[in-house]
PDB file of all heavy atoms in Angstrom:
ATOM      1  N   GLU A   1       2.658   8.213  -0.673  1.00  0.00           N
ATOM      2  CA  GLU A   1       3.350   7.312   0.243  1.00  0.00           C
ATOM      3  C   GLU A   1       2.745   5.930   0.079  1.00  0.00           C
ATOM      4  O   GLU A   1       1.517   5.776   0.079  1.00  0.00           O
ATOM      5  CB  GLU A   1       3.201   7.787   1.683  1.00  0.00           C
ATOM      6  CG  GLU A   1       4.002   6.943   2.683  1.00  0.00           C
ATOM      7  CD  GLU A   1       3.806   7.432   4.113  1.00  0.00           C
ATOM      8  OE1 GLU A   1       2.714   7.209   4.668  1.00  0.00           O
ATOM      9  OE2 GLU A   1       4.739   8.041   4.651  1.00  0.00           O
ATOM     10  N   VAL A   2       3.613   4.933  -0.087  1.00  0.00           N
ATOM     11  CA  VAL A   2       3.177   3.547  -0.286  1.00  0.00           C
ATOM     12  C   VAL A   2       3.697   2.701   0.865  1.00  0.00           C
ATOM     13  O   VAL A   2       4.890   2.733   1.172  1.00  0.00           O
ATOM     14  CB  VAL A   2       3.713   2.986  -1.622  1.00  0.00           C
ATOM     15  CG1 VAL A   2       3.334   1.513  -1.767  1.00  0.00           C
ATOM     16  CG2 VAL A   2       3.179   3.790  -2.795  1.00  0.00           C
ATOM     17  N   GLN A   3       2.784   1.950   1.508  1.00  0.00           N
ATOM     18  CA  GLN A   3       3.214   0.995   2.534  1.00  0.00           C
ATOM     19  C   GLN A   3       3.026  -0.419   2.009  1.00  0.00           C
ATOM     20  O   GLN A   3       1.981  -0.760   1.444  1.00  0.00           O
ATOM     21  CB  GLN A   3       2.410   1.143   3.823  1.00  0.00           C
ATOM     22  CG  GLN A   3       2.950   0.243   4.945  1.00  0.00           C
ATOM     23  CD  GLN A   3       1.923  -0.097   6.018  1.00  0.00           C
ATOM     24  OE1 GLN A   3       0.806  -0.510   5.715  1.00  0.00           O
ATOM     25  NE2 GLN A   3       2.301   0.076   7.274  1.00  0.00           N
ATOM     26  N   LEU A   4       4.081  -1.237   2.188  1.00  0.00           N
ATOM     27  CA  LEU A   4       4.015  -2.659   1.890  1.00  0.00           C
ATOM     28  C   LEU A   4       4.309  -3.438   3.162  1.00  0.00           C
ATOM     29  O   LEU A   4       5.067  -2.972   4.015  1.00  0.00           O
ATOM     30  CB  LEU A   4       5.052  -3.043   0.822  1.00  0.00           C
ATOM     31  CG  LEU A   4       5.037  -2.263  -0.491  1.00  0.00           C
ATOM     32  CD1 LEU A   4       6.194  -2.710  -1.382  1.00  0.00           C
ATOM     33  CD2 LEU A   4       3.707  -2.440  -1.211  1.00  0.00           C
ATOM     34  N   SER A   5       3.722  -4.620   3.294  1.00  0.00           N
ATOM     35  CA  SER A   5       4.076  -5.498   4.411  1.00  0.00           C
ATOM     36  C   SER A   5       4.215  -6.921   3.902  1.00  0.00           C
ATOM     37  O   SER A   5       3.587  -7.312   2.908  1.00  0.00           O
ATOM     38  CB  SER A   5       3.029  -5.432   5.532  1.00  0.00           C
ATOM     39  OG  SER A   5       1.822  -6.063   5.137  1.00  0.00           O
ATOM     40  N   TYR A   6       5.085  -7.682   4.596  1.00  0.00           N
ATOM     41  CA  TYR A   6       5.390  -9.050   4.170  1.00  0.00           C
ATOM     42  C   TYR A   6       5.437  -9.970   5.387  1.00  0.00           C
ATOM     43  O   TYR A   6       5.654  -9.526   6.516  1.00  0.00           O
ATOM     44  CB  TYR A   6       6.748  -9.114   3.452  1.00  0.00           C
ATOM     45  CG  TYR A   6       6.757  -8.407   2.121  1.00  0.00           C
ATOM     46  CD1 TYR A   6       6.967  -7.032   2.046  1.00  0.00           C
ATOM     47  CD2 TYR A   6       6.537  -9.100   0.945  1.00  0.00           C
ATOM     48  CE1 TYR A   6       6.966  -6.369   0.823  1.00  0.00           C
ATOM     49  CE2 TYR A   6       6.536  -8.458  -0.286  1.00  0.00           C
ATOM     50  CZ  TYR A   6       6.746  -7.085  -0.331  1.00  0.00           C
ATOM     51  OH  TYR A   6       6.735  -6.438  -1.548  1.00  0.00           O
ATOM     52  N   ALA A   7       5.255 -11.265   5.125  1.00  0.00           N
ATOM     53  CA  ALA A   7       5.470 -12.308   6.122  1.00  0.00           C
ATOM     54  C   ALA A   7       6.651 -13.151   5.678  1.00  0.00           C
ATOM     55  O   ALA A   7       6.816 -13.430   4.480  1.00  0.00           O
ATOM     56  CB  ALA A   7       4.225 -13.183   6.271  1.00  0.00           C
ATOM     57  N   ILE A   8       7.477 -13.567   6.609  1.00  0.00           N
ATOM     58  CA  ILE A   8       8.649 -14.363   6.267  1.00  0.00           C
ATOM     59  C   ILE A   8       8.237 -15.653   5.567  1.00  0.00           C
ATOM     60  O   ILE A   8       7.311 -16.358   6.008  1.00  0.00           O
ATOM     61  CB  ILE A   8       9.510 -14.649   7.524  1.00  0.00           C
ATOM     62  CG1 ILE A   8      10.846 -15.311   7.124  1.00  0.00           C
ATOM     63  CG2 ILE A   8       8.747 -15.484   8.546  1.00  0.00           C
ATOM     64  CD1 ILE A   8      11.848 -15.365   8.265  1.00  0.00           C
ATOM     65  N   GLY A   9       8.894 -15.946   4.446  1.00  0.00           N
ATOM     66  CA  GLY A   9       8.617 -17.163   3.711  1.00  0.00           C
ATOM     67  C   GLY A   9       7.396 -17.121   2.825  1.00  0.00           C
ATOM     68  O   GLY A   9       7.021 -18.126   2.220  1.00  0.00           O
ATOM     69  N   VAL A  10       6.756 -15.953   2.690  1.00  0.00           N
ATOM     70  CA  VAL A  10       5.564 -15.808   1.848  1.00  0.00           C
ATOM     71  C   VAL A  10       5.889 -14.818   0.729  1.00  0.00           C
ATOM     72  O   VAL A  10       6.462 -13.758   0.979  1.00  0.00           O
ATOM     73  CB  VAL A  10       4.353 -15.306   2.666  1.00  0.00           C
ATOM     74  CG1 VAL A  10       3.138 -15.102   1.771  1.00  0.00           C
ATOM     75  CG2 VAL A  10       4.040 -16.282   3.790  1.00  0.00           C
ATOM     76  N   ALA A  11       5.530 -15.140  -0.503  1.00  0.00           N
ATOM     77  CA  ALA A  11       5.922 -14.314  -1.645  1.00  0.00           C
ATOM     78  C   ALA A  11       5.069 -13.052  -1.785  1.00  0.00           C
ATOM     79  O   ALA A  11       5.592 -11.954  -1.980  1.00  0.00           O
ATOM     80  CB  ALA A  11       5.847 -15.137  -2.932  1.00  0.00           C
ATOM     81  N   ASN A  12       3.774 -13.204  -1.714  1.00  0.00           N
ATOM     82  CA  ASN A  12       2.911 -12.046  -1.950  1.00  0.00           C
ATOM     83  C   ASN A  12       2.842 -11.125  -0.736  1.00  0.00           C
ATOM     84  O   ASN A  12       2.850 -11.602   0.407  1.00  0.00           O
ATOM     85  CB  ASN A  12       1.500 -12.511  -2.310  1.00  0.00           C
ATOM     86  CG  ASN A  12       1.426 -13.089  -3.714  1.00  0.00           C
ATOM     87  OD1 ASN A  12       1.442 -12.351  -4.691  1.00  0.00           O
ATOM     88  ND2 ASN A  12       1.374 -14.418  -3.807  1.00  0.00           N
ATOM     89  N   PRO A  13       2.789  -9.816  -0.968  1.00  0.00           N
ATOM     90  CA  PRO A  13       2.669  -8.894   0.168  1.00  0.00           C
ATOM     91  C   PRO A  13       1.430  -9.210   0.997  1.00  0.00           C
ATOM     92  O   PRO A  13       0.393  -9.600   0.461  1.00  0.00           O
ATOM     93  CB  PRO A  13       2.538  -7.519  -0.499  1.00  0.00           C
ATOM     94  CG  PRO A  13       3.081  -7.688  -1.873  1.00  0.00           C
ATOM     95  CD  PRO A  13       2.803  -9.105  -2.258  1.00  0.00           C
ATOM     96  N   VAL A  14       1.550  -9.034   2.294  1.00  0.00           N
ATOM     97  CA  VAL A  14       0.409  -9.215   3.190  1.00  0.00           C
ATOM     98  C   VAL A  14      -0.576  -8.073   2.996  1.00  0.00           C
ATOM     99  O   VAL A  14      -1.796  -8.264   3.020  1.00  0.00           O
ATOM    100  CB  VAL A  14       0.885  -9.275   4.660  1.00  0.00           C
ATOM    101  CG1 VAL A  14      -0.301  -9.250   5.618  1.00  0.00           C
ATOM    102  CG2 VAL A  14       1.729 -10.523   4.881  1.00  0.00           C
ATOM    103  N   SER A  15      -0.033  -6.860   2.787  1.00  0.00           N
ATOM    104  CA  SER A  15      -0.906  -5.692   2.581  1.00  0.00           C
ATOM    105  C   SER A  15      -0.196  -4.655   1.724  1.00  0.00           C
ATOM    106  O   SER A  15       1.028  -4.585   1.672  1.00  0.00           O
ATOM    107  CB  SER A  15      -1.317  -5.078   3.917  1.00  0.00           C
ATOM    108  OG  SER A  15      -0.192  -4.513   4.582  1.00  0.00           O
ATOM    109  N   ILE A  16      -1.026  -3.841   1.041  1.00  0.00           N
ATOM    110  CA  ILE A  16      -0.559  -2.709   0.248  1.00  0.00           C
ATOM    111  C   ILE A  16      -1.471  -1.529   0.575  1.00  0.00           C
ATOM    112  O   ILE A  16      -2.693  -1.663   0.590  1.00  0.00           O
ATOM    113  CB  ILE A  16      -0.633  -3.009  -1.265  1.00  0.00           C
ATOM    114  CG1 ILE A  16       0.252  -4.213  -1.623  1.00  0.00           C
ATOM    115  CG2 ILE A  16      -0.209  -1.781  -2.082  1.00  0.00           C
ATOM    116  CD1 ILE A  16       0.077  -4.687  -3.062  1.00  0.00           C
ATOM    117  N   LEU A  17      -0.867  -0.369   0.835  1.00  0.00           N
ATOM    118  CA  LEU A  17      -1.649   0.831   1.150  1.00  0.00           C
ATOM    119  C   LEU A  17      -1.035   2.029   0.444  1.00  0.00           C
ATOM    120  O   LEU A  17       0.185   2.215   0.468  1.00  0.00           O
ATOM    121  CB  LEU A  17      -1.667   1.084   2.665  1.00  0.00           C
ATOM    122  CG  LEU A  17      -2.334   2.385   3.136  1.00  0.00           C
ATOM    123  CD1 LEU A  17      -3.835   2.360   2.835  1.00  0.00           C
ATOM    124  CD2 LEU A  17      -2.090   2.607   4.617  1.00  0.00           C
ATOM    125  N   VAL A  18      -1.873   2.850  -0.184  1.00  0.00           N
ATOM    126  CA  VAL A  18      -1.415   4.067  -0.840  1.00  0.00           C
ATOM    127  C   VAL A  18      -2.095   5.265  -0.188  1.00  0.00           C
ATOM    128  O   VAL A  18      -3.314   5.278  -0.006  1.00  0.00           O
ATOM    129  CB  VAL A  18      -1.731   4.051  -2.356  1.00  0.00           C
ATOM    130  CG1 VAL A  18      -1.259   5.352  -3.006  1.00  0.00           C
ATOM    131  CG2 VAL A  18      -1.082   2.847  -3.018  1.00  0.00           C
ATOM    132  N   GLU A  19      -1.293   6.277   0.169  1.00  0.00           N
ATOM    133  CA  GLU A  19      -1.782   7.524   0.760  1.00  0.00           C
ATOM    134  C   GLU A  19      -1.287   8.682  -0.099  1.00  0.00           C
ATOM    135  O   GLU A  19      -0.094   8.793  -0.374  1.00  0.00           O
ATOM    136  CB  GLU A  19      -1.265   7.658   2.192  1.00  0.00           C
ATOM    137  CG  GLU A  19      -1.516   9.006   2.842  1.00  0.00           C
ATOM    138  CD  GLU A  19      -2.990   9.304   3.015  1.00  0.00           C
ATOM    139  OE1 GLU A  19      -3.647   8.614   3.824  1.00  0.00           O
ATOM    140  OE2 GLU A  19      -3.475  10.241   2.346  1.00  0.00           O
ATOM    141  N   THR A  20      -2.217   9.558  -0.522  1.00  0.00           N
ATOM    142  CA  THR A  20      -1.838  10.700  -1.365  1.00  0.00           C
ATOM    143  C   THR A  20      -2.062  12.048  -0.680  1.00  0.00           C
ATOM    144  O   THR A  20      -1.886  13.082  -1.310  1.00  0.00           O
ATOM    145  CB  THR A  20      -2.599  10.674  -2.702  1.00  0.00           C
ATOM    146  OG1 THR A  20      -4.004  10.778  -2.443  1.00  0.00           O
ATOM    147  CG2 THR A  20      -2.295   9.400  -3.470  1.00  0.00           C
ATOM    148  N   PHE A  21      -2.467  12.049   0.571  1.00  0.00           N
ATOM    149  CA  PHE A  21      -2.570  13.277   1.368  1.00  0.00           C
ATOM    150  C   PHE A  21      -3.476  14.331   0.706  1.00  0.00           C
ATOM    151  O   PHE A  21      -3.210  15.538   0.784  1.00  0.00           O
ATOM    152  CB  PHE A  21      -1.173  13.860   1.628  1.00  0.00           C
ATOM    153  CG  PHE A  21      -0.195  12.861   2.176  1.00  0.00           C
ATOM    154  CD1 PHE A  21       0.668  12.171   1.335  1.00  0.00           C
ATOM    155  CD2 PHE A  21      -0.164  12.580   3.535  1.00  0.00           C
ATOM    156  CE1 PHE A  21       1.557  11.234   1.834  1.00  0.00           C
ATOM    157  CE2 PHE A  21       0.730  11.641   4.058  1.00  0.00           C
ATOM    158  CZ  PHE A  21       1.592  10.970   3.200  1.00  0.00           C
ATOM    159  N   GLY A  22      -4.508  13.841   0.045  1.00  0.00           N
ATOM    160  CA  GLY A  22      -5.455  14.752  -0.587  1.00  0.00           C
ATOM    161  C   GLY A  22      -4.979  15.367  -1.888  1.00  0.00           C
ATOM    162  O   GLY A  22      -5.643  16.262  -2.431  1.00  0.00           O
ATOM    163  N   THR A  23      -3.861  14.880  -2.434  1.00  0.00           N
ATOM    164  CA  THR A  23      -3.320  15.464  -3.671  1.00  0.00           C
ATOM    165  C   THR A  23      -3.603  14.612  -4.905  1.00  0.00           C
ATOM    166  O   THR A  23      -3.182  14.969  -6.005  1.00  0.00           O
ATOM    167  CB  THR A  23      -1.789  15.659  -3.563  1.00  0.00           C
ATOM    168  OG1 THR A  23      -1.140  14.374  -3.580  1.00  0.00           O
ATOM    169  CG2 THR A  23      -1.416  16.409  -2.301  1.00  0.00           C
ATOM    170  N   GLY A  24      -4.297  13.490  -4.742  1.00  0.00           N
ATOM    171  CA  GLY A  24      -4.468  12.547  -5.841  1.00  0.00           C
ATOM    172  C   GLY A  24      -5.690  12.790  -6.697  1.00  0.00           C
ATOM    173  O   GLY A  24      -6.681  13.406  -6.251  1.00  0.00           O
ATOM    174  N   LYS A  25      -5.635  12.302  -7.933  1.00  0.00           N
ATOM    175  CA  LYS A  25      -6.769  12.382  -8.842  1.00  0.00           C
ATOM    176  C   LYS A  25      -7.739  11.219  -8.648  1.00  0.00           C
ATOM    177  O   LYS A  25      -8.819  11.192  -9.253  1.00  0.00           O
ATOM    178  CB  LYS A  25      -6.268  12.408 -10.287  1.00  0.00           C
ATOM    179  CG  LYS A  25      -5.466  13.666 -10.623  1.00  0.00           C
ATOM    180  CD  LYS A  25      -5.038  13.682 -12.089  1.00  0.00           C
ATOM    181  CE  LYS A  25      -4.294  14.971 -12.408  1.00  0.00           C
ATOM    182  NZ  LYS A  25      -3.847  15.028 -13.827  1.00  0.00           N
ATOM    183  N   LEU A  26      -7.316  10.261  -7.824  1.00  0.00           N
ATOM    184  CA  LEU A  26      -8.163   9.127  -7.465  1.00  0.00           C
ATOM    185  C   LEU A  26      -8.244   9.060  -5.944  1.00  0.00           C
ATOM    186  O   LEU A  26      -7.459   9.686  -5.227  1.00  0.00           O
ATOM    187  CB  LEU A  26      -7.566   7.820  -8.006  1.00  0.00           C
ATOM    188  CG  LEU A  26      -7.243   7.723  -9.503  1.00  0.00           C
ATOM    189  CD1 LEU A  26      -6.489   6.422  -9.784  1.00  0.00           C
ATOM    190  CD2 LEU A  26      -8.512   7.803 -10.337  1.00  0.00           C
ATOM    191  N   SER A  27      -9.160   8.251  -5.436  1.00  0.00           N
ATOM    192  CA  SER A  27      -9.209   8.017  -3.998  1.00  0.00           C
ATOM    193  C   SER A  27      -8.058   7.102  -3.606  1.00  0.00           C
ATOM    194  O   SER A  27      -7.473   6.404  -4.448  1.00  0.00           O
ATOM    195  CB  SER A  27     -10.541   7.370  -3.611  1.00  0.00           C
ATOM    196  OG  SER A  27     -10.601   6.028  -4.113  1.00  0.00           O
ATOM    197  N   ASN A  28      -7.718   7.075  -2.325  1.00  0.00           N
ATOM    198  CA  ASN A  28      -6.655   6.186  -1.858  1.00  0.00           C
ATOM    199  C   ASN A  28      -6.992   4.722  -2.142  1.00  0.00           C
ATOM    200  O   ASN A  28      -6.108   3.915  -2.470  1.00  0.00           O
ATOM    201  CB  ASN A  28      -6.406   6.392  -0.370  1.00  0.00           C
ATOM    202  CG  ASN A  28      -5.723   7.724  -0.081  1.00  0.00           C
ATOM    203  OD1 ASN A  28      -5.151   8.342  -0.980  1.00  0.00           O
ATOM    204  ND2 ASN A  28      -5.782   8.156   1.172  1.00  0.00           N
ATOM    205  N   GLU A  29      -8.259   4.367  -2.027  1.00  0.00           N
ATOM    206  CA  GLU A  29      -8.673   2.990  -2.314  1.00  0.00           C
ATOM    207  C   GLU A  29      -8.461   2.655  -3.790  1.00  0.00           C
ATOM    208  O   GLU A  29      -7.990   1.557  -4.134  1.00  0.00           O
ATOM    209  CB  GLU A  29     -10.149   2.789  -1.943  1.00  0.00           C
ATOM    210  CG  GLU A  29     -10.434   2.856  -0.445  1.00  0.00           C
ATOM    211  CD  GLU A  29     -10.544   4.290   0.085  1.00  0.00           C
ATOM    212  OE1 GLU A  29     -10.439   5.234  -0.722  1.00  0.00           O
ATOM    213  OE2 GLU A  29     -10.707   4.446   1.300  1.00  0.00           O
TER     214      GLU A  29
END
């Protein structure tokens, strides 16, 4: 699951978060 957030009038995302619910080969970070 990937979460993105934005601010109006700003190009780059304010935040990015990845959650793999313990199924990933890497850490969420």
